[in-house]
N, C-alpha and C. Protein backbone atom coordinates (compact mmCIF):
# COMPACT_ATOMS: atom_id res chain seq x y z
N MET A 1 -19.53 -16.17 18.73
CA MET A 1 -18.33 -16.37 17.85
C MET A 1 -17.80 -15.24 16.90
N GLN A 2 -18.67 -14.87 16.20
CA GLN A 2 -18.39 -13.75 15.19
C GLN A 2 -17.81 -12.65 15.89
N GLU A 3 -18.74 -12.11 17.03
CA GLU A 3 -18.31 -10.94 17.72
C GLU A 3 -16.85 -11.07 18.28
N GLY A 4 -16.66 -12.24 19.00
CA GLY A 4 -15.08 -12.25 19.42
C GLY A 4 -14.07 -12.25 18.35
N ARG A 5 -14.40 -12.80 17.32
CA ARG A 5 -13.17 -12.59 15.89
C ARG A 5 -13.30 -11.20 15.42
N ARG A 6 -14.32 -10.53 15.37
CA ARG A 6 -14.27 -9.29 14.97
C ARG A 6 -13.63 -8.48 15.97
N GLN A 7 -13.76 -8.49 17.29
CA GLN A 7 -12.96 -7.69 18.28
C GLN A 7 -11.48 -7.88 18.12
N GLU A 8 -11.20 -9.29 18.11
CA GLU A 8 -9.71 -9.45 17.81
C GLU A 8 -8.96 -8.77 16.67
N GLU A 9 -10.04 -8.82 15.52
CA GLU A 9 -9.37 -8.11 14.28
C GLU A 9 -9.10 -6.74 14.57
N TYR A 10 -10.29 -6.10 15.25
CA TYR A 10 -10.36 -4.62 15.55
C TYR A 10 -9.05 -4.45 16.66
N ASP A 11 -8.80 -5.19 17.50
CA ASP A 11 -7.57 -4.90 18.43
C ASP A 11 -6.33 -5.01 17.40
N GLU A 12 -6.24 -5.97 16.65
CA GLU A 12 -4.97 -6.08 15.81
C GLU A 12 -4.68 -4.77 15.27
N LEU A 13 -5.83 -4.39 14.46
CA LEU A 13 -5.62 -3.08 13.71
C LEU A 13 -5.32 -1.86 14.49
N HIS A 14 -5.83 -1.46 15.73
CA HIS A 14 -5.76 -0.41 16.43
C HIS A 14 -4.59 -0.55 17.49
N GLU A 15 -3.92 -2.02 17.57
CA GLU A 15 -2.69 -2.05 18.46
C GLU A 15 -1.47 -1.45 17.97
N ASP A 16 -1.24 -1.27 16.66
CA ASP A 16 -0.07 -0.62 16.06
C ASP A 16 -0.34 0.31 15.00
N PRO A 17 -0.85 1.43 15.06
CA PRO A 17 -1.25 2.37 13.96
C PRO A 17 0.09 2.68 13.29
N LEU A 18 1.26 2.76 13.87
CA LEU A 18 2.49 3.02 12.98
C LEU A 18 2.62 1.84 11.98
N ARG A 19 2.27 0.59 12.04
CA ARG A 19 2.40 -0.63 11.17
C ARG A 19 1.47 -0.04 10.01
N ILE A 20 0.26 0.23 10.44
CA ILE A 20 -0.58 0.35 9.24
C ILE A 20 -0.07 1.67 8.34
N ALA A 21 0.39 2.78 9.00
CA ALA A 21 0.83 4.03 8.26
C ALA A 21 2.17 3.71 7.49
N ARG A 22 3.03 2.54 7.97
CA ARG A 22 4.26 2.30 7.40
C ARG A 22 3.72 1.42 6.13
N GLY A 23 2.72 0.57 6.26
CA GLY A 23 2.18 -0.02 5.12
C GLY A 23 1.70 0.85 3.97
N ILE A 24 0.83 1.94 4.36
CA ILE A 24 0.55 2.72 3.33
C ILE A 24 1.53 3.41 2.68
N ALA A 25 2.63 3.96 3.38
CA ALA A 25 3.54 4.59 2.84
C ALA A 25 4.28 3.77 1.93
N TRP A 26 4.71 2.48 2.28
CA TRP A 26 5.24 1.66 1.24
C TRP A 26 4.42 1.33 0.10
N GLY A 27 3.29 1.22 0.22
CA GLY A 27 2.14 0.97 -0.93
C GLY A 27 2.41 2.02 -1.66
N ILE A 28 2.51 3.26 -1.39
CA ILE A 28 2.65 4.49 -2.28
C ILE A 28 3.80 4.62 -2.85
N ALA A 29 4.77 4.11 -2.19
CA ALA A 29 6.20 4.28 -2.53
C ALA A 29 6.33 3.22 -3.78
N ILE A 30 5.98 2.27 -3.66
CA ILE A 30 6.00 1.00 -4.66
C ILE A 30 5.26 1.37 -5.64
N GLY A 31 3.83 1.96 -5.34
CA GLY A 31 3.18 1.96 -6.49
C GLY A 31 3.42 3.30 -7.42
N GLY A 32 4.04 4.23 -6.55
CA GLY A 32 4.60 5.65 -7.29
C GLY A 32 5.72 5.20 -8.43
N ALA A 33 6.63 4.26 -8.01
CA ALA A 33 7.79 3.89 -8.55
C ALA A 33 7.30 3.01 -9.86
N MET A 34 6.43 2.12 -9.69
CA MET A 34 5.88 1.45 -10.81
C MET A 34 5.15 2.26 -11.65
N TRP A 35 4.36 3.28 -11.27
CA TRP A 35 3.85 4.12 -12.32
C TRP A 35 4.91 5.08 -13.06
N ALA A 36 6.07 5.28 -12.32
CA ALA A 36 7.08 5.97 -12.98
C ALA A 36 7.67 5.29 -14.02
N ALA A 37 8.01 3.93 -13.76
CA ALA A 37 8.47 3.24 -14.70
C ALA A 37 7.63 2.97 -15.82
N VAL A 38 6.53 2.44 -15.71
CA VAL A 38 5.36 2.50 -16.67
C VAL A 38 5.36 3.75 -17.55
N ILE A 39 5.26 5.10 -17.02
CA ILE A 39 5.13 6.05 -17.85
C ILE A 39 6.61 6.44 -18.48
N GLY A 40 7.61 6.26 -17.73
CA GLY A 40 8.82 6.39 -18.30
C GLY A 40 9.10 5.61 -19.78
N LEU A 41 8.42 4.20 -19.48
CA LEU A 41 8.91 3.44 -20.74
C LEU A 41 8.08 3.91 -21.98
N PHE A 42 6.66 4.32 -21.48
CA PHE A 42 5.84 4.78 -22.63
C PHE A 42 6.53 5.74 -23.30
N VAL A 43 6.88 6.92 -22.59
CA VAL A 43 7.41 8.13 -23.08
C VAL A 43 8.82 7.77 -24.00
N MET A 44 9.46 6.95 -23.40
CA MET A 44 10.81 6.41 -24.50
C MET A 44 10.04 5.62 -25.53
N TRP A 45 9.03 4.85 -25.46
CA TRP A 45 8.77 4.28 -26.75
C TRP A 45 7.93 4.98 -27.49
N VAL A 46 7.26 6.29 -27.28
CA VAL A 46 6.77 7.07 -28.02
C VAL A 46 7.75 8.15 -28.66
N MET A 47 8.66 8.41 -28.03
CA MET A 47 9.72 9.29 -28.87
C MET A 47 10.90 8.75 -29.42
N LYS A 48 10.69 7.34 -29.65
CA LYS A 48 11.58 6.44 -30.46
C LYS A 48 11.54 6.68 -32.01
């Protein structure tokens, strides 16, 4: 039972590698934007 499920998960992951790459790219973009906002607000607060 577990083996069949693992194989399904493996197939889903390797079926569309572009989907994974797109997810990683979006994660980096959103994470970068969040960090830029946090650092920008901190710098503005310090220079106030």
